[in-house]
């Protein structure tokens, strides 16, 4: 009897049991100008986007502004969302691009410089004792942030959460929706690319030959 009743009833709207279909319907309605559907998307994704921005910036006050900018851009560009990936992933991509601008304009250079040791334990000899050390530290921080800007979003997120924000691996992996092992791979690749670029730019010494000699001597 239950099956017969189901056949007689009109097809219900996608429910919580089918979240992907339900979200696809909301996105389709929002693209068609349905503000109520957009409001639902906003409410359901706001907390996650805000938390992600707060982790990436380390500043909840900045995240409050950036999350509004993220949703504003998403609303304006909703027609460009083709549904090939998840709506949440699309929002996160917008958020990451907004954070890039935030890093360039507001990120504390001294904090970034403090974390540079994670990329390499070697710093230029005598820099800290130099009267112009503060200026050099600030300049190196700007270079580091510029290098960060060139990384693919997955590597950049991994480096920021693990190295700049120093989040535990489990927490960072959960935030990005990846396994801890995957996160470690991303963070390692990010550090390698950052270090390689800093060496290329002359901000870090290339000790690869020294490492080769050490291995050979061992």
N, C-alpha and C. Protein backbone atom coordinates (compact mmCIF):
# COMPACT_ATOMS: atom_id res chain seq x y z
N UNK A 1 0.84 -1.20 0.00
CA UNK A 1 0.00 0.00 0.00
C UNK A 1 0.87 1.26 0.00
N UNK A 2 1.98 1.19 0.77
CA UNK A 2 2.86 2.35 0.80
C UNK A 2 3.37 2.69 -0.57
N UNK A 3 3.73 1.68 -1.37
CA UNK A 3 4.26 1.93 -2.70
C UNK A 3 3.21 2.57 -3.59
N UNK A 4 1.95 2.11 -3.48
CA UNK A 4 0.87 2.66 -4.29
C UNK A 4 0.64 4.13 -3.94
N UNK A 5 0.66 4.45 -2.64
CA UNK A 5 0.48 5.83 -2.23
C UNK A 5 1.58 6.72 -2.79
N UNK A 6 2.78 6.19 -2.81
CA UNK A 6 3.90 6.97 -3.34
C UNK A 6 3.71 7.25 -4.82
N UNK A 7 3.15 6.29 -5.54
CA UNK A 7 2.92 6.50 -6.97
C UNK A 7 1.84 7.54 -7.21
N UNK A 8 0.84 7.60 -6.33
CA UNK A 8 -0.26 8.53 -6.51
C UNK A 8 0.11 9.95 -6.12
N UNK A 9 1.08 10.08 -5.23
CA UNK A 9 1.46 11.41 -4.77
C UNK A 9 2.30 12.12 -5.83
N UNK A 10 2.22 13.46 -5.89
CA UNK A 10 3.12 14.20 -6.78
C UNK A 10 4.55 14.06 -6.30
N UNK A 11 5.48 14.14 -7.21
CA UNK A 11 6.89 14.00 -6.84
C UNK A 11 7.28 15.11 -5.87
N UNK A 12 7.81 14.76 -4.72
CA UNK A 12 8.18 15.78 -3.74
C UNK A 12 9.44 16.51 -4.16
N UNK A 13 9.59 17.70 -3.59
CA UNK A 13 10.83 18.44 -3.82
C UNK A 13 11.97 17.66 -3.19
N UNK A 14 13.18 17.78 -3.73
CA UNK A 14 14.32 17.07 -3.14
C UNK A 14 14.42 17.38 -1.66
N UNK A 15 14.63 16.36 -0.86
CA UNK A 15 14.66 16.52 0.59
C UNK A 15 16.09 16.45 1.10
N UNK A 16 16.17 16.51 2.44
CA UNK A 16 17.50 16.45 3.05
C UNK A 16 18.18 15.13 2.75
N UNK A 17 17.36 14.08 2.36
CA UNK A 17 17.95 12.79 2.04
C UNK A 17 18.69 12.84 0.70
N UNK A 18 18.43 13.86 -0.09
CA UNK A 18 19.08 14.02 -1.38
C UNK A 18 19.63 15.44 -1.47
N UNK A 19 20.63 15.76 -0.64
CA UNK A 19 21.10 17.15 -0.54
C UNK A 19 21.66 17.71 -1.84
N UNK A 20 22.31 16.88 -2.64
CA UNK A 20 22.87 17.39 -3.89
C UNK A 20 21.77 17.85 -4.84
N UNK A 21 20.71 17.03 -4.97
CA UNK A 21 19.61 17.40 -5.84
C UNK A 21 18.90 18.64 -5.31
N UNK A 22 18.74 18.68 -4.00
CA UNK A 22 18.08 19.83 -3.39
C UNK A 22 18.88 21.10 -3.63
N UNK A 23 20.20 21.01 -3.47
CA UNK A 23 21.04 22.18 -3.69
C UNK A 23 21.01 22.60 -5.16
N UNK A 24 21.05 21.62 -6.06
CA UNK A 24 20.99 21.93 -7.49
C UNK A 24 19.71 22.66 -7.83
N UNK A 25 18.62 22.25 -7.20
CA UNK A 25 17.34 22.92 -7.43
C UNK A 25 17.38 24.36 -6.94
N UNK A 26 17.95 24.56 -5.73
CA UNK A 26 18.05 25.91 -5.19
C UNK A 26 18.92 26.80 -6.08
N UNK A 27 20.02 26.26 -6.57
CA UNK A 27 20.91 27.03 -7.45
C UNK A 27 20.18 27.40 -8.73
N UNK A 28 19.46 26.43 -9.31
CA UNK A 28 18.72 26.70 -10.54
C UNK A 28 17.67 27.79 -10.33
N UNK A 29 16.99 27.72 -9.21
CA UNK A 29 15.99 28.74 -8.91
C UNK A 29 16.64 30.10 -8.68
N UNK A 30 17.76 30.11 -7.98
CA UNK A 30 18.45 31.37 -7.72
C UNK A 30 18.95 31.99 -9.01
N UNK A 31 19.45 31.15 -9.92
CA UNK A 31 19.90 31.67 -11.21
C UNK A 31 18.75 32.27 -12.01
N UNK A 32 17.55 31.77 -11.73
CA UNK A 32 16.38 32.30 -12.41
C UNK A 32 15.79 33.53 -11.75
N UNK A 33 16.46 34.02 -10.69
CA UNK A 33 16.02 35.25 -10.04
C UNK A 33 15.21 35.03 -8.78
N UNK A 34 15.15 33.81 -8.29
CA UNK A 34 14.39 33.51 -7.08
C UNK A 34 15.23 33.91 -5.86
N UNK A 35 14.86 35.03 -5.24
CA UNK A 35 15.64 35.54 -4.11
C UNK A 35 15.48 34.67 -2.87
N UNK A 36 14.35 34.02 -2.75
CA UNK A 36 14.16 33.13 -1.61
C UNK A 36 15.13 31.95 -1.68
N UNK A 37 15.32 31.42 -2.90
CA UNK A 37 16.26 30.32 -3.08
C UNK A 37 17.68 30.79 -2.77
N UNK A 38 18.02 31.99 -3.22
CA UNK A 38 19.35 32.52 -2.91
C UNK A 38 19.53 32.70 -1.41
N UNK A 39 18.48 33.18 -0.74
CA UNK A 39 18.55 33.36 0.70
C UNK A 39 18.82 32.03 1.40
N UNK A 40 18.20 30.96 0.92
CA UNK A 40 18.45 29.65 1.51
C UNK A 40 19.88 29.21 1.31
N UNK A 41 20.41 29.43 0.11
CA UNK A 41 21.81 29.08 -0.16
C UNK A 41 22.74 29.89 0.75
N UNK A 42 22.43 31.15 0.90
CA UNK A 42 23.24 32.03 1.75
C UNK A 42 23.26 31.52 3.19
N UNK A 43 22.09 31.22 3.70
CA UNK A 43 21.99 30.76 5.08
C UNK A 43 22.70 29.42 5.30
N UNK A 44 22.59 28.53 4.33
CA UNK A 44 23.15 27.19 4.50
C UNK A 44 24.66 27.15 4.34
N UNK A 45 25.23 28.11 3.62
CA UNK A 45 26.67 28.09 3.37
C UNK A 45 27.44 29.17 4.12
N UNK A 46 26.73 30.09 4.75
CA UNK A 46 27.40 31.22 5.39
C UNK A 46 28.42 30.78 6.43
N UNK A 47 28.00 29.92 7.36
CA UNK A 47 28.89 29.54 8.46
C UNK A 47 30.17 28.88 7.96
N UNK A 48 30.03 28.00 6.97
CA UNK A 48 31.20 27.29 6.46
C UNK A 48 32.17 28.25 5.77
N UNK A 49 31.63 29.16 4.95
CA UNK A 49 32.49 30.11 4.25
C UNK A 49 33.15 31.05 5.24
N UNK A 50 32.37 31.50 6.23
CA UNK A 50 32.94 32.40 7.24
C UNK A 50 34.08 31.72 8.00
N UNK A 51 33.86 30.48 8.41
CA UNK A 51 34.88 29.76 9.16
C UNK A 51 36.14 29.58 8.31
N UNK A 52 35.96 29.27 7.03
CA UNK A 52 37.11 29.08 6.15
C UNK A 52 37.89 30.38 6.00
N UNK A 53 37.19 31.48 5.84
CA UNK A 53 37.86 32.78 5.71
C UNK A 53 38.57 33.15 7.01
N UNK A 54 37.94 32.84 8.14
CA UNK A 54 38.58 33.15 9.42
C UNK A 54 39.86 32.34 9.59
N UNK A 55 39.85 31.07 9.16
CA UNK A 55 41.06 30.26 9.24
C UNK A 55 42.15 30.81 8.33
N UNK A 56 41.77 31.20 7.11
CA UNK A 56 42.77 31.65 6.14
C UNK A 56 43.37 33.00 6.51
N UNK A 57 42.57 33.87 7.12
CA UNK A 57 43.06 35.20 7.47
C UNK A 57 43.58 35.28 8.89
N UNK A 58 43.10 34.38 9.78
CA UNK A 58 43.45 34.48 11.18
C UNK A 58 42.83 35.69 11.85
N UNK A 59 41.78 36.23 11.25
CA UNK A 59 41.16 37.46 11.74
C UNK A 59 39.66 37.38 11.53
N UNK A 60 38.91 37.18 12.61
CA UNK A 60 37.46 37.04 12.48
C UNK A 60 36.79 38.33 12.02
N UNK A 61 37.36 39.47 12.43
CA UNK A 61 36.79 40.74 12.01
C UNK A 61 36.93 40.93 10.50
N UNK A 62 38.10 40.59 9.98
CA UNK A 62 38.30 40.68 8.53
C UNK A 62 37.40 39.68 7.82
N UNK A 63 37.24 38.50 8.41
CA UNK A 63 36.40 37.47 7.79
C UNK A 63 34.95 37.93 7.66
N UNK A 64 34.48 38.74 8.60
CA UNK A 64 33.11 39.24 8.53
C UNK A 64 32.90 40.07 7.27
N UNK A 65 33.88 40.89 6.94
CA UNK A 65 33.77 41.69 5.72
C UNK A 65 33.96 40.83 4.47
N UNK A 66 34.93 39.92 4.54
CA UNK A 66 35.25 39.12 3.36
C UNK A 66 34.14 38.13 3.00
N UNK A 67 33.43 37.63 4.00
CA UNK A 67 32.36 36.68 3.69
C UNK A 67 31.22 37.40 2.97
N UNK A 68 30.97 38.65 3.33
CA UNK A 68 29.94 39.42 2.63
C UNK A 68 30.35 39.69 1.19
N UNK A 69 31.64 39.99 1.01
CA UNK A 69 32.14 40.22 -0.34
C UNK A 69 32.06 38.95 -1.17
N UNK A 70 32.33 37.82 -0.53
CA UNK A 70 32.26 36.53 -1.23
C UNK A 70 30.86 36.27 -1.77
N UNK A 71 29.87 36.45 -0.91
CA UNK A 71 28.50 36.18 -1.34
C UNK A 71 28.00 37.22 -2.33
N UNK A 72 28.47 38.45 -2.19
CA UNK A 72 28.09 39.48 -3.16
C UNK A 72 28.61 39.13 -4.55
N UNK A 73 29.86 38.69 -4.61
CA UNK A 73 30.43 38.30 -5.91
C UNK A 73 29.74 37.06 -6.45
N UNK A 74 29.42 36.13 -5.56
CA UNK A 74 28.75 34.91 -5.99
C UNK A 74 27.38 35.23 -6.57
N UNK A 75 26.66 36.14 -5.94
CA UNK A 75 25.34 36.50 -6.43
C UNK A 75 25.42 37.14 -7.81
N UNK A 76 26.38 38.05 -7.97
CA UNK A 76 26.54 38.73 -9.26
C UNK A 76 26.98 37.74 -10.34
N UNK A 77 27.84 36.78 -9.95
CA UNK A 77 28.38 35.84 -10.94
C UNK A 77 27.68 34.50 -10.99
N UNK A 78 26.48 34.42 -10.41
CA UNK A 78 25.79 33.13 -10.31
C UNK A 78 25.55 32.49 -11.67
N UNK A 79 25.34 33.31 -12.67
CA UNK A 79 25.09 32.77 -14.01
C UNK A 79 26.30 32.02 -14.55
N UNK A 80 27.49 32.30 -14.00
CA UNK A 80 28.71 31.65 -14.47
C UNK A 80 28.92 30.29 -13.83
N UNK A 81 28.15 29.98 -12.80
CA UNK A 81 28.28 28.68 -12.15
C UNK A 81 27.59 27.63 -13.01
N UNK A 82 28.37 26.71 -13.54
CA UNK A 82 27.84 25.72 -14.49
C UNK A 82 27.46 24.41 -13.83
N UNK A 83 27.70 24.29 -12.55
CA UNK A 83 27.30 23.08 -11.85
C UNK A 83 28.19 21.88 -12.06
N UNK A 84 29.38 22.08 -12.62
CA UNK A 84 30.30 20.96 -12.84
C UNK A 84 30.86 20.45 -11.52
N UNK A 85 31.04 21.35 -10.58
CA UNK A 85 31.49 20.97 -9.24
C UNK A 85 30.41 21.35 -8.25
N UNK A 86 30.72 21.26 -6.96
CA UNK A 86 29.74 21.61 -5.95
C UNK A 86 29.64 23.12 -5.81
N UNK A 87 28.48 23.57 -5.39
CA UNK A 87 28.28 24.99 -5.14
C UNK A 87 29.20 25.46 -4.03
N UNK A 88 29.38 24.61 -3.00
CA UNK A 88 30.27 24.96 -1.89
C UNK A 88 31.70 25.16 -2.38
N UNK A 89 32.15 24.29 -3.28
CA UNK A 89 33.49 24.43 -3.83
C UNK A 89 33.65 25.69 -4.64
N UNK A 90 32.60 26.04 -5.39
CA UNK A 90 32.63 27.28 -6.18
C UNK A 90 32.72 28.49 -5.27
N UNK A 91 31.94 28.48 -4.20
CA UNK A 91 32.00 29.58 -3.22
C UNK A 91 33.38 29.69 -2.61
N UNK A 92 33.97 28.54 -2.29
CA UNK A 92 35.29 28.56 -1.66
C UNK A 92 36.33 29.13 -2.62
N UNK A 93 36.20 28.83 -3.90
CA UNK A 93 37.13 29.40 -4.88
C UNK A 93 37.04 30.92 -4.91
N UNK A 94 35.81 31.44 -4.85
CA UNK A 94 35.64 32.89 -4.80
C UNK A 94 36.27 33.45 -3.54
N UNK A 95 36.03 32.77 -2.42
CA UNK A 95 36.57 33.23 -1.14
C UNK A 95 38.10 33.26 -1.16
N UNK A 96 38.71 32.23 -1.73
CA UNK A 96 40.17 32.17 -1.78
C UNK A 96 40.74 33.33 -2.60
N UNK A 97 40.09 33.66 -3.72
CA UNK A 97 40.55 34.78 -4.53
C UNK A 97 40.43 36.10 -3.78
N UNK A 98 39.39 36.22 -2.99
CA UNK A 98 39.22 37.43 -2.18
C UNK A 98 40.28 37.50 -1.10
N UNK A 99 40.60 36.36 -0.50
CA UNK A 99 41.64 36.33 0.53
C UNK A 99 42.99 36.70 -0.06
N UNK A 100 43.24 36.32 -1.30
CA UNK A 100 44.51 36.70 -1.95
C UNK A 100 44.67 38.21 -1.93
N UNK A 101 43.62 38.92 -2.27
CA UNK A 101 43.69 40.38 -2.25
C UNK A 101 43.90 40.88 -0.82
N UNK A 102 43.25 40.24 0.12
CA UNK A 102 43.40 40.62 1.53
C UNK A 102 44.84 40.43 1.99
N UNK A 103 45.45 39.31 1.62
CA UNK A 103 46.84 39.07 1.99
C UNK A 103 47.75 40.16 1.45
N UNK A 104 47.53 40.52 0.18
CA UNK A 104 48.41 41.51 -0.45
C UNK A 104 48.30 42.87 0.22
N UNK A 105 47.12 43.21 0.71
CA UNK A 105 46.92 44.56 1.21
C UNK A 105 47.00 44.70 2.73
N UNK A 106 46.69 43.60 3.48
CA UNK A 106 46.55 43.78 4.93
C UNK A 106 47.33 42.79 5.78
N UNK A 107 47.80 41.73 5.21
CA UNK A 107 48.41 40.69 6.05
C UNK A 107 49.64 41.22 6.75
N UNK A 108 49.79 40.89 8.03
CA UNK A 108 50.91 41.36 8.81
C UNK A 108 52.20 40.71 8.33
N UNK A 109 53.07 41.53 7.79
CA UNK A 109 54.31 41.00 7.26
C UNK A 109 55.18 40.35 8.30
N UNK A 110 55.19 40.90 9.53
CA UNK A 110 56.05 40.31 10.56
C UNK A 110 55.57 38.92 10.93
N UNK A 111 54.25 38.68 10.91
CA UNK A 111 53.75 37.35 11.20
C UNK A 111 54.18 36.38 10.10
N UNK A 112 54.07 36.82 8.85
CA UNK A 112 54.50 35.97 7.75
C UNK A 112 55.99 35.68 7.86
N UNK A 113 56.77 36.70 8.29
CA UNK A 113 58.20 36.50 8.40
C UNK A 113 58.52 35.50 9.50
N UNK A 114 57.76 35.55 10.59
CA UNK A 114 57.99 34.60 11.69
C UNK A 114 57.81 33.16 11.20
N UNK A 115 56.91 32.96 10.25
CA UNK A 115 56.62 31.61 9.76
C UNK A 115 57.55 31.19 8.62
N UNK A 116 58.38 32.09 8.14
CA UNK A 116 59.28 31.75 7.04
C UNK A 116 60.23 30.63 7.44
N UNK A 117 60.53 30.51 8.72
CA UNK A 117 61.43 29.47 9.17
C UNK A 117 60.87 28.08 8.91
N UNK A 118 59.54 27.97 8.75
CA UNK A 118 58.92 26.69 8.42
C UNK A 118 59.35 26.26 7.03
N UNK A 119 59.52 27.23 6.13
CA UNK A 119 59.94 26.92 4.77
C UNK A 119 61.41 26.54 4.75
N UNK A 120 62.20 27.25 5.50
CA UNK A 120 63.63 26.93 5.56
C UNK A 120 64.21 27.44 6.87
N UNK A 121 65.01 26.61 7.52
CA UNK A 121 65.62 27.02 8.79
C UNK A 121 66.75 28.02 8.56
N UNK A 122 67.16 28.14 7.32
CA UNK A 122 68.29 29.03 7.02
C UNK A 122 67.80 30.40 6.62
N UNK A 123 68.30 31.40 7.31
CA UNK A 123 68.03 32.78 6.92
C UNK A 123 69.36 33.47 6.64
N UNK A 124 69.26 34.57 5.96
CA UNK A 124 70.48 35.29 5.60
C UNK A 124 71.27 35.64 6.85
N UNK A 125 72.55 35.33 6.85
CA UNK A 125 73.41 35.55 8.02
C UNK A 125 73.52 37.04 8.31
N UNK A 126 73.37 37.38 9.58
CA UNK A 126 73.57 38.76 10.00
C UNK A 126 72.39 39.68 9.77
N UNK A 127 71.30 39.18 9.16
CA UNK A 127 70.18 40.07 8.84
C UNK A 127 69.57 40.68 10.09
N UNK A 128 69.36 39.85 11.14
CA UNK A 128 68.69 40.34 12.33
C UNK A 128 69.51 41.41 13.06
N UNK A 129 70.84 41.34 12.93
CA UNK A 129 71.68 42.31 13.62
C UNK A 129 71.84 43.59 12.81
N UNK A 130 71.46 43.56 11.57
CA UNK A 130 71.59 44.72 10.70
C UNK A 130 70.62 45.81 11.12
N UNK A 131 71.06 47.08 11.13
CA UNK A 131 70.14 48.18 11.47
C UNK A 131 68.92 48.22 10.57
N UNK A 132 69.04 47.72 9.36
CA UNK A 132 67.91 47.71 8.43
C UNK A 132 67.18 46.38 8.44
N UNK A 133 67.41 45.59 9.51
CA UNK A 133 66.82 44.26 9.57
C UNK A 133 65.31 44.28 9.48
N UNK A 134 64.66 45.24 10.16
CA UNK A 134 63.20 45.30 10.14
C UNK A 134 62.69 45.52 8.72
N UNK A 135 63.38 46.39 7.98
CA UNK A 135 62.97 46.64 6.60
C UNK A 135 63.15 45.40 5.75
N UNK A 136 64.25 44.69 5.96
CA UNK A 136 64.50 43.48 5.19
C UNK A 136 63.50 42.39 5.52
N UNK A 137 63.14 42.27 6.80
CA UNK A 137 62.14 41.28 7.19
C UNK A 137 60.80 41.57 6.52
N UNK A 138 60.45 42.87 6.51
CA UNK A 138 59.19 43.25 5.87
C UNK A 138 59.24 42.94 4.37
N UNK A 139 60.39 43.22 3.75
CA UNK A 139 60.52 42.97 2.32
C UNK A 139 60.44 41.48 2.04
N UNK A 140 61.11 40.66 2.85
CA UNK A 140 61.04 39.21 2.64
C UNK A 140 59.62 38.70 2.81
N UNK A 141 58.90 39.30 3.78
CA UNK A 141 57.51 38.90 3.99
C UNK A 141 56.67 39.21 2.75
N UNK A 142 56.91 40.37 2.15
CA UNK A 142 56.18 40.73 0.94
C UNK A 142 56.49 39.76 -0.19
N UNK A 143 57.75 39.35 -0.28
CA UNK A 143 58.13 38.38 -1.32
C UNK A 143 57.44 37.05 -1.06
N UNK A 144 57.42 36.63 0.21
CA UNK A 144 56.76 35.37 0.55
C UNK A 144 55.28 35.41 0.17
N UNK A 145 54.62 36.50 0.46
CA UNK A 145 53.21 36.62 0.13
C UNK A 145 52.99 36.63 -1.38
N UNK A 146 53.92 37.25 -2.10
CA UNK A 146 53.83 37.25 -3.57
C UNK A 146 53.98 35.84 -4.12
N UNK A 147 54.88 35.06 -3.52
CA UNK A 147 55.06 33.67 -3.94
C UNK A 147 53.80 32.86 -3.62
N UNK A 148 53.24 33.08 -2.44
CA UNK A 148 52.00 32.41 -2.07
C UNK A 148 50.92 32.67 -3.10
N UNK A 149 50.90 33.87 -3.62
CA UNK A 149 49.88 34.26 -4.58
C UNK A 149 49.95 33.46 -5.87
N UNK A 150 51.11 32.87 -6.15
CA UNK A 150 51.27 32.12 -7.40
C UNK A 150 50.90 30.65 -7.25
N UNK A 151 50.70 30.19 -6.03
CA UNK A 151 50.40 28.77 -5.83
C UNK A 151 48.97 28.44 -6.22
N UNK A 152 48.73 27.22 -6.69
CA UNK A 152 47.34 26.78 -6.89
C UNK A 152 46.60 26.82 -5.56
N UNK A 153 45.31 27.09 -5.60
CA UNK A 153 44.52 27.25 -4.37
C UNK A 153 44.69 26.10 -3.39
N UNK A 154 44.68 24.82 -3.81
CA UNK A 154 44.82 23.74 -2.83
C UNK A 154 46.13 23.79 -2.06
N UNK A 155 47.22 24.12 -2.76
CA UNK A 155 48.52 24.21 -2.08
C UNK A 155 48.58 25.43 -1.18
N UNK A 156 48.03 26.53 -1.67
CA UNK A 156 48.05 27.76 -0.88
C UNK A 156 47.25 27.58 0.41
N UNK A 157 46.07 26.98 0.31
CA UNK A 157 45.26 26.76 1.50
C UNK A 157 45.98 25.86 2.51
N UNK A 158 46.61 24.81 2.00
CA UNK A 158 47.31 23.88 2.88
C UNK A 158 48.44 24.59 3.62
N UNK A 159 49.21 25.41 2.90
CA UNK A 159 50.33 26.12 3.52
C UNK A 159 49.84 27.12 4.56
N UNK A 160 48.81 27.87 4.22
CA UNK A 160 48.31 28.89 5.14
C UNK A 160 47.78 28.25 6.42
N UNK A 161 46.97 27.19 6.28
CA UNK A 161 46.39 26.58 7.47
C UNK A 161 47.45 25.87 8.31
N UNK A 162 48.36 25.15 7.65
CA UNK A 162 49.35 24.34 8.39
C UNK A 162 50.53 25.16 8.89
N UNK A 163 50.98 26.13 8.09
CA UNK A 163 52.22 26.83 8.42
C UNK A 163 52.00 28.23 8.97
N UNK A 164 51.15 29.00 8.33
CA UNK A 164 50.93 30.36 8.82
C UNK A 164 49.99 30.37 10.02
N UNK A 165 48.90 29.59 9.93
CA UNK A 165 47.96 29.54 11.05
C UNK A 165 48.29 28.44 12.05
N UNK A 166 49.18 27.53 11.67
CA UNK A 166 49.63 26.44 12.55
C UNK A 166 48.48 25.60 13.10
N UNK A 167 47.52 25.29 12.25
CA UNK A 167 46.41 24.44 12.66
C UNK A 167 46.88 22.99 12.73
N UNK A 168 46.34 22.21 13.66
CA UNK A 168 46.64 20.78 13.68
C UNK A 168 46.22 20.14 12.36
N UNK A 169 46.95 19.11 11.95
CA UNK A 169 46.68 18.48 10.66
C UNK A 169 45.25 17.98 10.56
N UNK A 170 44.78 17.33 11.61
CA UNK A 170 43.42 16.78 11.58
C UNK A 170 42.39 17.89 11.36
N UNK A 171 42.54 18.99 12.08
CA UNK A 171 41.58 20.10 11.96
C UNK A 171 41.66 20.75 10.59
N UNK A 172 42.87 20.95 10.09
CA UNK A 172 43.04 21.57 8.78
C UNK A 172 42.48 20.67 7.68
N UNK A 173 42.72 19.38 7.80
CA UNK A 173 42.21 18.44 6.80
C UNK A 173 40.69 18.44 6.79
N UNK A 174 40.09 18.48 7.98
CA UNK A 174 38.63 18.51 8.07
C UNK A 174 38.09 19.79 7.46
N UNK A 175 38.76 20.90 7.67
CA UNK A 175 38.31 22.17 7.11
C UNK A 175 38.32 22.15 5.59
N UNK A 176 39.34 21.52 5.00
CA UNK A 176 39.45 21.47 3.55
C UNK A 176 38.73 20.28 2.94
N UNK A 177 38.23 19.41 3.77
CA UNK A 177 37.51 18.26 3.25
C UNK A 177 38.38 17.23 2.57
N UNK A 178 39.61 17.08 3.07
CA UNK A 178 40.54 16.09 2.49
C UNK A 178 41.06 15.22 3.63
N UNK A 179 41.74 14.14 3.28
CA UNK A 179 42.33 13.28 4.30
C UNK A 179 43.60 13.94 4.86
N UNK A 180 43.99 13.58 6.09
CA UNK A 180 45.23 14.12 6.64
C UNK A 180 46.43 13.83 5.75
N UNK A 181 46.46 12.63 5.16
CA UNK A 181 47.57 12.30 4.27
C UNK A 181 47.61 13.20 3.05
N UNK A 182 46.45 13.48 2.47
CA UNK A 182 46.37 14.36 1.32
C UNK A 182 46.82 15.76 1.69
N UNK A 183 46.41 16.22 2.87
CA UNK A 183 46.81 17.54 3.32
C UNK A 183 48.31 17.63 3.48
N UNK A 184 48.91 16.60 4.07
CA UNK A 184 50.37 16.61 4.26
C UNK A 184 51.09 16.70 2.91
N UNK A 185 50.58 15.98 1.92
CA UNK A 185 51.18 16.03 0.59
C UNK A 185 51.09 17.44 0.02
N UNK A 186 49.93 18.05 0.15
CA UNK A 186 49.74 19.40 -0.36
C UNK A 186 50.67 20.39 0.34
N UNK A 187 50.75 20.29 1.67
CA UNK A 187 51.59 21.20 2.43
C UNK A 187 53.06 21.03 2.06
N UNK A 188 53.49 19.77 1.88
CA UNK A 188 54.88 19.51 1.50
C UNK A 188 55.19 20.08 0.13
N UNK A 189 54.28 19.89 -0.81
CA UNK A 189 54.48 20.44 -2.16
C UNK A 189 54.50 21.97 -2.12
N UNK A 190 53.63 22.54 -1.30
CA UNK A 190 53.60 24.01 -1.19
C UNK A 190 54.92 24.53 -0.64
N UNK A 191 55.43 23.88 0.41
CA UNK A 191 56.70 24.33 0.99
C UNK A 191 57.83 24.21 -0.01
N UNK A 192 57.84 23.12 -0.77
CA UNK A 192 58.90 22.91 -1.75
C UNK A 192 58.86 23.98 -2.84
N UNK A 193 57.65 24.28 -3.31
CA UNK A 193 57.53 25.29 -4.36
C UNK A 193 57.88 26.68 -3.84
N UNK A 194 57.47 26.97 -2.62
CA UNK A 194 57.80 28.27 -2.04
C UNK A 194 59.30 28.39 -1.83
N UNK A 195 59.90 27.35 -1.29
CA UNK A 195 61.34 27.40 -1.07
C UNK A 195 62.09 27.53 -2.39
N UNK A 196 61.67 26.77 -3.39
CA UNK A 196 62.33 26.85 -4.68
C UNK A 196 62.26 28.24 -5.29
N UNK A 197 61.09 28.88 -5.13
CA UNK A 197 60.95 30.23 -5.68
C UNK A 197 61.75 31.24 -4.88
N UNK A 198 61.81 31.08 -3.56
CA UNK A 198 62.61 32.00 -2.75
C UNK A 198 64.10 31.84 -3.06
N UNK A 199 64.52 30.62 -3.33
CA UNK A 199 65.91 30.40 -3.74
C UNK A 199 66.16 31.07 -5.08
N UNK A 200 65.23 30.88 -6.01
CA UNK A 200 65.39 31.47 -7.34
C UNK A 200 65.48 32.99 -7.27
N UNK A 201 64.72 33.58 -6.35
CA UNK A 201 64.71 35.04 -6.22
C UNK A 201 65.86 35.56 -5.37
N UNK A 202 66.63 34.65 -4.78
CA UNK A 202 67.80 35.06 -4.01
C UNK A 202 67.54 35.36 -2.55
N UNK A 203 66.35 34.98 -2.05
CA UNK A 203 66.05 35.25 -0.65
C UNK A 203 66.45 34.12 0.27
N UNK A 204 66.72 32.96 -0.28
CA UNK A 204 67.23 31.83 0.49
C UNK A 204 68.40 31.24 -0.27
N UNK A 205 69.35 30.69 0.49
CA UNK A 205 70.50 30.06 -0.14
C UNK A 205 70.11 28.69 -0.67
N UNK A 206 70.68 28.32 -1.80
CA UNK A 206 70.43 27.00 -2.38
C UNK A 206 71.40 26.02 -1.74
N UNK A 207 70.88 25.22 -0.79
CA UNK A 207 71.75 24.29 -0.07
C UNK A 207 71.61 22.87 -0.61
N UNK A 208 71.02 22.73 -1.81
CA UNK A 208 70.83 21.39 -2.35
C UNK A 208 72.15 20.69 -2.59
N UNK A 209 73.15 21.46 -3.03
CA UNK A 209 74.46 20.85 -3.28
C UNK A 209 75.11 20.42 -1.97
N UNK A 210 74.88 21.25 -0.94
CA UNK A 210 75.46 20.89 0.36
C UNK A 210 74.82 19.61 0.88
N UNK A 211 73.49 19.48 0.67
CA UNK A 211 72.80 18.26 1.09
C UNK A 211 73.32 17.06 0.35
N UNK A 212 73.59 17.22 -0.96
CA UNK A 212 74.13 16.13 -1.77
C UNK A 212 75.48 15.69 -1.25
N UNK A 213 76.30 16.68 -0.85
CA UNK A 213 77.63 16.35 -0.34
C UNK A 213 77.52 15.62 0.98
N UNK A 214 76.57 16.08 1.82
CA UNK A 214 76.38 15.42 3.11
C UNK A 214 75.98 13.96 2.92
N UNK A 215 75.07 13.73 1.97
CA UNK A 215 74.60 12.35 1.72
C UNK A 215 75.76 11.50 1.17
N UNK A 216 76.56 12.13 0.31
CA UNK A 216 77.67 11.40 -0.28
C UNK A 216 78.71 11.04 0.78
N UNK A 217 78.92 12.01 1.71
CA UNK A 217 79.89 11.76 2.77
C UNK A 217 79.42 10.70 3.74
N UNK A 218 78.09 10.66 3.91
CA UNK A 218 77.54 9.66 4.83
C UNK A 218 77.69 8.28 4.27
